[in-house]
Amino acid sequence: MATLLIHDIKWDCDGSDPVELGLPTTILVVNADNYEEDDESTDILSDHLSDVYGFCHEGFFVEKIDGDSVGDQKIDAIMEYPQ
């Protein structure tokens, strides 16, 4: 199963601190077998983040990772890839 790491999420919080609002900056995405490194898959992730957390964002980075190995990266949340 493919696993993704979404990191450095820049939430649009109207000046509020995303951490104080409980918003993650790093998310492990499991069951991401349908993810392709293209604009459509990135748009799917983007829409899903906004739907799940109720805030828009100004961008993020996505990396495919091997298994659940994230090194010493702190994970704030885990979610499944939207189907």
Protein backbone atom coordinates (compact mmCIF):
# COMPACT_ATOMS: atom_id res chain seq x y z
CA MET A 1 0.00 0.00 0.00
CA ALA A 2 1.21 3.45 -0.89
CA THR A 3 1.77 5.97 1.87
CA LEU A 4 2.15 9.71 1.50
CA LEU A 5 3.53 12.40 3.75
CA ILE A 6 1.83 15.79 3.46
CA HIS A 7 3.95 18.40 5.19
CA ASP A 8 4.48 22.12 5.58
CA ILE A 9 0.76 22.79 5.18
CA LYS A 10 0.17 26.54 5.07
CA TRP A 11 -3.34 26.98 6.48
CA ASP A 12 -5.35 30.11 5.68
CA CYS A 13 -6.56 31.01 9.19
CA ASP A 14 -7.16 34.74 8.83
CA GLY A 15 -4.13 35.51 10.99
CA SER A 16 -4.88 32.94 13.71
CA ASP A 17 -2.23 30.42 14.74
CA PRO A 18 -2.99 27.07 13.05
CA VAL A 19 -1.49 25.16 15.97
CA GLU A 20 -3.79 26.93 18.44
CA LEU A 21 -6.71 25.98 16.17
CA GLY A 22 -5.63 22.34 16.26
CA LEU A 23 -4.69 22.18 12.58
CA PRO A 24 -1.97 19.72 11.54
CA THR A 25 1.11 20.74 9.59
CA THR A 26 2.14 17.15 8.83
CA ILE A 27 -0.23 14.33 7.87
CA LEU A 28 0.45 10.69 7.07
CA VAL A 29 -1.88 9.53 4.29
CA VAL A 30 -2.43 5.77 4.12
CA ASN A 31 -4.05 3.62 1.41
CA ALA A 32 -2.87 6.06 -1.27
CA ASP A 33 -2.56 3.50 -4.06
CA ASN A 34 -4.60 5.71 -6.42
CA TYR A 35 -2.31 8.72 -5.94
CA GLU A 36 -0.45 9.86 -9.04
CA GLU A 37 2.13 12.63 -9.05
CA ASP A 38 -0.05 15.00 -11.06
CA ASP A 39 -2.26 18.06 -10.61
CA GLU A 40 -5.48 16.03 -10.40
CA SER A 41 -4.28 13.95 -7.44
CA THR A 42 -2.91 17.04 -5.72
CA ASP A 43 -6.28 18.76 -6.20
CA ILE A 44 -8.03 15.73 -4.68
CA LEU A 45 -5.77 15.95 -1.61
CA SER A 46 -6.22 19.72 -1.43
CA ASP A 47 -10.02 19.48 -1.47
CA HIS A 48 -9.98 16.65 1.05
CA LEU A 49 -7.82 18.64 3.50
CA SER A 50 -10.22 21.57 3.32
CA ASP A 51 -13.26 19.30 3.72
CA VAL A 52 -11.83 17.43 6.70
CA TYR A 53 -10.42 20.42 8.60
CA GLY A 54 -12.79 23.19 7.52
CA PHE A 55 -10.06 25.61 6.46
CA CYS A 56 -8.55 26.48 3.11
CA HIS A 57 -4.80 26.40 2.72
CA GLU A 58 -2.17 28.16 0.66
CA GLY A 59 -0.18 25.05 -0.24
CA PHE A 60 1.61 21.96 1.00
CA PHE A 61 4.24 19.43 -0.06
CA VAL A 62 3.58 15.76 -0.80
CA GLU A 63 6.12 12.92 -0.67
CA LYS A 64 5.64 9.24 -1.36
CA ILE A 65 7.33 7.28 1.40
CA ASP A 66 8.28 3.66 1.90
CA GLY A 67 5.88 1.96 4.27
CA ASP A 68 5.37 3.95 7.44
CA SER A 69 8.96 5.23 7.57
CA VAL A 70 8.90 8.96 8.19
CA GLY A 71 12.26 9.25 9.89
CA ASP A 72 12.17 11.74 12.73
CA GLN A 73 9.33 13.75 11.16
CA LYS A 74 6.59 14.58 13.70
CA ILE A 75 3.18 13.38 12.46
CA ASP A 76 0.20 15.49 13.57
CA ALA A 77 -2.54 13.38 11.97
CA ILE A 78 -3.25 10.25 9.95
CA MET A 79 -5.92 9.99 7.28
CA GLU A 80 -6.88 7.71 4.43
CA TYR A 81 -6.50 8.79 0.83
CA PRO A 82 -9.89 9.92 -0.51
CA GLN A 83 -11.45 7.40 -2.87
